[in-house]
Structures are given as C-alpha cells and as structure tokens.
Amino acid sequence: MHTSIKLKPNDTIVFIGDSITDAGRRQAEYRPLGYGYVHFAANYLLAKYPEYDLNSINTSISGNTIHDLNDR
C-alpha cells in the first residue's frame, strides 16, 4: 500500500512518539527536533521544498507507551 501526503505552503508537521522519536529533543544541543529521524526528515523536507516554508514540531516523550500517546 502506498500513501501520499500532499504538502502545502506553511504546513506544520507534528511528530508524536516515544524515545525513538524524542531522540534528545529537550537537550540544549539537540533542540527542538532531537538528533534522530525527526531531525533528518524535517531538514530533508526543508531542503526539498524550501518554497513551502514548512514547520516541524517534535512533541515526543521518551518513555511513553502507546497508551500515553493515545491519552495525549
């Protein structure tokens, strides 16, 4: 199955997850996206679509479970 996402100018992309997504996002040297895949995905999209002025937000919390994510 292939799913497409249609990006539009000024879209905001919110990443929500556990420690893999968090990836140190609250540590001063890695703010605000962390050092993991969110950092790379957000910067890739900025480089590929600079005219879209995309905004990426990492709201992940290390240690959360699927139940915590559902509650958020």
N, C-alpha and C. Protein backbone atom coordinates (compact mmCIF):
# COMPACT_ATOMS: atom_id res chain seq x y z
N MET A 1 0.84 -1.18 0.00
CA MET A 1 0.00 0.00 0.00
C MET A 1 0.88 1.24 0.00
N HIS A 2 0.58 2.19 -0.84
CA HIS A 2 1.33 3.43 -0.95
C HIS A 2 0.41 4.59 -0.56
N THR A 3 0.87 5.40 0.36
CA THR A 3 0.11 6.55 0.81
C THR A 3 0.89 7.81 0.48
N SER A 4 0.20 8.79 -0.06
CA SER A 4 0.83 10.07 -0.38
C SER A 4 0.35 11.14 0.58
N ILE A 5 1.25 12.04 0.88
CA ILE A 5 0.90 13.22 1.69
C ILE A 5 1.10 14.42 0.80
N LYS A 6 0.11 15.24 0.70
CA LYS A 6 0.18 16.46 -0.10
C LYS A 6 0.57 17.62 0.81
N LEU A 7 1.77 18.14 0.60
CA LEU A 7 2.23 19.28 1.38
C LEU A 7 1.78 20.57 0.73
N LYS A 8 1.46 21.54 1.59
CA LYS A 8 1.07 22.86 1.13
C LYS A 8 1.95 23.90 1.82
N PRO A 9 2.09 25.06 1.24
CA PRO A 9 2.90 26.10 1.88
C PRO A 9 2.43 26.36 3.31
N ASN A 10 3.41 26.56 4.18
CA ASN A 10 3.19 26.88 5.59
C ASN A 10 2.57 25.75 6.41
N ASP A 11 2.58 24.51 5.89
CA ASP A 11 2.09 23.38 6.66
C ASP A 11 2.95 23.16 7.90
N THR A 12 2.33 22.62 8.95
CA THR A 12 3.03 22.21 10.15
C THR A 12 2.94 20.70 10.25
N ILE A 13 4.08 20.06 10.46
CA ILE A 13 4.15 18.61 10.60
C ILE A 13 4.48 18.32 12.05
N VAL A 14 3.62 17.56 12.72
CA VAL A 14 3.81 17.25 14.13
C VAL A 14 4.22 15.78 14.25
N PHE A 15 5.35 15.56 14.90
CA PHE A 15 5.84 14.21 15.19
C PHE A 15 5.50 13.89 16.63
N ILE A 16 4.86 12.76 16.85
CA ILE A 16 4.49 12.35 18.21
C ILE A 16 4.93 10.90 18.38
N GLY A 17 5.57 10.61 19.50
CA GLY A 17 6.05 9.25 19.69
C GLY A 17 6.72 9.06 21.04
N ASP A 18 7.56 8.03 21.09
CA ASP A 18 8.26 7.67 22.31
C ASP A 18 9.73 8.06 22.21
N SER A 19 10.61 7.29 22.86
CA SER A 19 12.03 7.68 22.92
C SER A 19 12.70 7.71 21.55
N ILE A 20 12.29 6.85 20.64
CA ILE A 20 12.91 6.84 19.31
C ILE A 20 12.62 8.16 18.59
N THR A 21 11.43 8.66 18.76
CA THR A 21 11.06 9.93 18.13
C THR A 21 11.59 11.12 18.94
N ASP A 22 11.57 11.02 20.25
CA ASP A 22 12.08 12.08 21.13
C ASP A 22 13.54 12.38 20.82
N ALA A 23 14.38 11.36 20.85
CA ALA A 23 15.80 11.46 20.48
C ALA A 23 16.51 12.69 21.05
N GLY A 24 16.29 12.94 22.33
CA GLY A 24 17.01 14.02 23.00
C GLY A 24 16.54 15.43 22.65
N ARG A 25 15.31 15.57 22.22
CA ARG A 25 14.82 16.88 21.74
C ARG A 25 14.84 17.97 22.80
N ARG A 26 14.88 17.62 24.08
CA ARG A 26 14.90 18.64 25.13
C ARG A 26 16.29 18.99 25.59
N GLN A 27 17.30 18.28 25.11
CA GLN A 27 18.68 18.62 25.44
C GLN A 27 19.08 19.85 24.64
N ALA A 28 19.73 20.78 25.28
CA ALA A 28 20.05 22.07 24.65
C ALA A 28 20.71 21.92 23.28
N GLU A 29 21.64 20.99 23.16
CA GLU A 29 22.37 20.88 21.89
C GLU A 29 21.56 20.23 20.78
N TYR A 30 20.39 19.65 21.10
CA TYR A 30 19.58 18.98 20.07
C TYR A 30 18.20 19.59 19.90
N ARG A 31 17.92 20.69 20.58
CA ARG A 31 16.61 21.33 20.47
C ARG A 31 16.39 21.88 19.08
N PRO A 32 15.20 21.93 18.58
CA PRO A 32 13.97 21.40 19.15
C PRO A 32 13.57 20.03 18.58
N LEU A 33 14.32 19.51 17.61
CA LEU A 33 13.88 18.31 16.90
C LEU A 33 14.52 17.02 17.38
N GLY A 34 15.57 17.09 18.19
CA GLY A 34 16.29 15.89 18.59
C GLY A 34 17.37 15.55 17.58
N TYR A 35 18.03 14.42 17.80
CA TYR A 35 19.13 14.00 16.93
C TYR A 35 18.76 12.80 16.06
N GLY A 36 17.51 12.40 16.06
CA GLY A 36 17.07 11.21 15.34
C GLY A 36 16.39 11.50 14.01
N TYR A 37 15.49 10.60 13.67
CA TYR A 37 14.85 10.69 12.35
C TYR A 37 14.02 11.95 12.16
N VAL A 38 13.47 12.51 13.22
CA VAL A 38 12.68 13.75 13.08
C VAL A 38 13.58 14.87 12.55
N HIS A 39 14.77 14.98 13.10
CA HIS A 39 15.74 15.98 12.64
C HIS A 39 16.01 15.82 11.15
N PHE A 40 16.28 14.58 10.73
CA PHE A 40 16.63 14.32 9.33
C PHE A 40 15.43 14.51 8.41
N ALA A 41 14.25 14.04 8.81
CA ALA A 41 13.06 14.20 7.98
C ALA A 41 12.69 15.67 7.81
N ALA A 42 12.71 16.42 8.89
CA ALA A 42 12.36 17.84 8.83
C ALA A 42 13.33 18.62 7.95
N ASN A 43 14.62 18.35 8.11
CA ASN A 43 15.61 19.06 7.30
C ASN A 43 15.57 18.63 5.84
N TYR A 44 15.27 17.37 5.58
CA TYR A 44 15.11 16.90 4.20
C TYR A 44 13.96 17.66 3.53
N LEU A 45 12.84 17.75 4.23
CA LEU A 45 11.68 18.44 3.65
C LEU A 45 11.96 19.93 3.43
N LEU A 46 12.67 20.56 4.35
CA LEU A 46 13.04 21.96 4.16
C LEU A 46 13.94 22.15 2.94
N ALA A 47 14.86 21.21 2.74
CA ALA A 47 15.77 21.30 1.60
C ALA A 47 15.06 21.00 0.29
N LYS A 48 14.16 20.05 0.32
CA LYS A 48 13.45 19.65 -0.91
C LYS A 48 12.37 20.65 -1.32
N TYR A 49 11.72 21.25 -0.34
CA TYR A 49 10.62 22.19 -0.61
C TYR A 49 10.84 23.53 0.11
N PRO A 50 11.91 24.23 -0.19
CA PRO A 50 12.19 25.49 0.54
C PRO A 50 11.09 26.53 0.35
N GLU A 51 10.43 26.50 -0.77
CA GLU A 51 9.38 27.48 -1.05
C GLU A 51 8.13 27.26 -0.20
N TYR A 52 7.99 26.10 0.44
CA TYR A 52 6.81 25.79 1.25
C TYR A 52 6.90 26.35 2.67
N ASP A 53 8.09 26.71 3.12
CA ASP A 53 8.28 27.24 4.48
C ASP A 53 7.59 26.35 5.52
N LEU A 54 7.93 25.06 5.50
CA LEU A 54 7.32 24.08 6.40
C LEU A 54 7.81 24.25 7.83
N ASN A 55 6.97 23.90 8.77
CA ASN A 55 7.30 23.96 10.18
C ASN A 55 7.16 22.55 10.76
N SER A 56 8.20 22.02 11.37
CA SER A 56 8.15 20.71 12.00
C SER A 56 8.26 20.85 13.51
N ILE A 57 7.43 20.08 14.23
CA ILE A 57 7.40 20.12 15.69
C ILE A 57 7.55 18.69 16.20
N ASN A 58 8.44 18.50 17.15
CA ASN A 58 8.61 17.20 17.80
C ASN A 58 8.00 17.29 19.19
N THR A 59 6.91 16.54 19.41
CA THR A 59 6.23 16.55 20.71
C THR A 59 6.41 15.24 21.46
N SER A 60 7.37 14.44 21.05
CA SER A 60 7.56 13.10 21.62
C SER A 60 8.08 13.16 23.04
N ILE A 61 7.78 12.10 23.79
CA ILE A 61 8.24 11.99 25.17
C ILE A 61 8.84 10.61 25.37
N SER A 62 10.12 10.59 25.69
CA SER A 62 10.81 9.32 25.95
C SER A 62 10.14 8.60 27.11
N GLY A 63 9.92 7.32 26.94
CA GLY A 63 9.29 6.52 27.99
C GLY A 63 7.79 6.36 27.82
N ASN A 64 7.18 7.11 26.93
CA ASN A 64 5.75 6.96 26.70
C ASN A 64 5.45 5.62 26.04
N THR A 65 4.29 5.11 26.34
CA THR A 65 3.79 3.89 25.69
C THR A 65 2.66 4.30 24.75
N ILE A 66 2.13 3.34 24.03
CA ILE A 66 1.02 3.63 23.12
C ILE A 66 -0.19 4.19 23.88
N HIS A 67 -0.37 3.75 25.12
CA HIS A 67 -1.46 4.27 25.93
C HIS A 67 -1.25 5.74 26.28
N ASP A 68 0.00 6.11 26.57
CA ASP A 68 0.31 7.52 26.84
C ASP A 68 0.06 8.37 25.60
N LEU A 69 0.46 7.84 24.44
CA LEU A 69 0.26 8.58 23.19
C LEU A 69 -1.22 8.77 22.93
N ASN A 70 -2.00 7.74 23.18
CA ASN A 70 -3.44 7.83 22.96
C ASN A 70 -4.06 8.89 23.88
N ASP A 71 -3.59 8.95 25.14
CA ASP A 71 -4.10 9.94 26.08
C ASP A 71 -3.75 11.37 25.66
N ARG A 72 -2.56 11.54 25.03
CA ARG A 72 -2.17 12.86 24.59
C ARG A 72 -2.98 13.29 23.40
